[in-house]
Protein backbone atom coordinates (compact mmCIF):
# COMPACT_ATOMS: atom_id res chain seq x y z
CA MET A 1 4.03 5.93 14.63
CA GLU A 2 2.09 5.38 11.44
CA LYS A 3 -1.12 3.47 10.92
CA ILE A 4 -2.83 2.00 7.92
CA ALA A 5 -6.36 3.00 7.15
CA VAL A 6 -9.12 2.76 4.56
CA ILE A 7 -11.12 5.82 3.71
CA SER A 8 -14.40 5.16 1.97
CA ALA A 9 -16.28 8.00 0.29
CA ILE A 10 -19.57 8.26 -1.51
CA LEU A 11 -19.95 11.25 -3.75
CA GLU A 12 -23.52 12.18 -4.52
CA ASP A 13 -23.61 14.26 -7.74
CA PRO A 14 -19.87 13.82 -8.42
CA SER A 15 -19.94 16.25 -11.28
CA ARG A 16 -20.12 19.04 -8.69
CA THR A 17 -17.74 17.65 -6.05
CA GLN A 18 -15.22 15.46 -7.87
CA GLN A 19 -12.75 18.26 -8.68
CA ASP A 20 -12.55 19.47 -5.10
CA PHE A 21 -12.31 15.84 -3.87
CA ASN A 22 -9.45 15.14 -6.28
CA ASN A 23 -7.62 18.34 -5.24
CA ILE A 24 -7.71 17.38 -1.54
CA VAL A 25 -6.56 13.80 -2.30
CA SER A 26 -3.70 15.22 -4.42
CA SER A 27 -2.56 17.41 -1.54
CA PHE A 28 -2.18 14.20 0.58
CA LYS A 29 -0.41 12.15 -2.13
CA GLY A 30 2.45 11.32 0.26
CA ILE A 31 0.31 9.10 2.46
CA ILE A 32 -1.97 7.60 -0.19
CA LYS A 33 -0.93 4.07 -1.24
CA GLY A 34 -3.92 3.07 -3.31
CA ARG A 35 -7.15 4.32 -4.77
CA MET A 36 -10.14 2.64 -6.33
CA GLY A 37 -13.11 4.54 -7.74
CA ILE A 38 -16.32 3.14 -9.23
CA PRO A 39 -18.69 5.53 -11.00
CA PHE A 40 -22.44 4.84 -11.05
CA VAL A 41 -23.23 7.11 -13.93
CA GLU A 42 -26.97 6.55 -14.15
CA GLU A 43 -27.37 6.96 -10.39
CA GLN A 44 -25.07 10.02 -10.39
CA ILE A 45 -23.01 8.58 -7.58
CA ALA A 46 -19.33 7.67 -7.25
CA VAL A 47 -17.80 5.33 -4.64
CA ILE A 48 -14.11 5.83 -3.86
CA SER A 49 -11.82 3.88 -1.54
CA LEU A 50 -8.42 5.20 -0.46
CA ILE A 51 -5.69 3.12 1.26
CA VAL A 52 -3.47 5.42 3.37
CA VAL A 53 -0.46 4.94 5.59
CA GLY A 54 0.41 7.88 7.80
CA LYS A 55 0.29 9.44 11.22
CA LEU A 56 -3.14 9.59 12.88
CA ASP A 57 -3.21 13.37 12.59
CA GLU A 58 -2.62 13.13 8.78
CA ILE A 59 -5.36 10.53 8.32
CA ASN A 60 -7.83 12.51 10.37
CA SER A 61 -6.97 15.70 8.54
CA LEU A 62 -7.61 14.07 5.13
CA THR A 63 -10.85 12.49 6.37
CA GLY A 64 -12.04 15.76 7.81
CA LYS A 65 -11.41 17.80 4.68
CA LEU A 66 -13.14 15.21 2.49
CA GLY A 67 -16.07 15.00 4.89
CA ASN A 68 -16.59 18.74 4.79
CA LEU A 69 -17.29 18.73 1.04
CA PRO A 70 -20.92 19.06 0.19
CA ASN A 71 -22.69 15.83 -0.85
CA VAL A 72 -19.72 13.66 0.22
CA MET A 73 -20.13 11.00 2.92
CA VAL A 74 -16.87 9.66 4.45
CA LYS A 75 -16.08 6.75 6.79
CA THR A 76 -12.65 5.64 7.93
CA ALA A 77 -11.37 2.33 9.34
CA ILE A 78 -7.98 2.65 11.05
CA SER A 79 -5.89 -0.29 12.15
CA LYS A 80 -5.00 -0.59 15.84
CA LYS A 81 -1.56 -1.87 14.97
CA GLU A 82 1.20 0.67 14.49
CA LEU A 83 3.52 0.26 11.57
């Protein structure tokens, strides 16, 4: 069964990590239902939220790959309800 989740990411120094971040997100485009990003240019930080609907393994795989990027902090909230 599928679940809905919110993945929140903070990119410190996004000029170095944003391309890799976007490549990973693109490879999971089938489960991504929404994305919001807010750049803090002066602070050199970007905050990104992803809304995903997928199997738990897919959500965990995406979260793990994003979390392994340097200077990227990731947290995920997953619903208990199955869709």
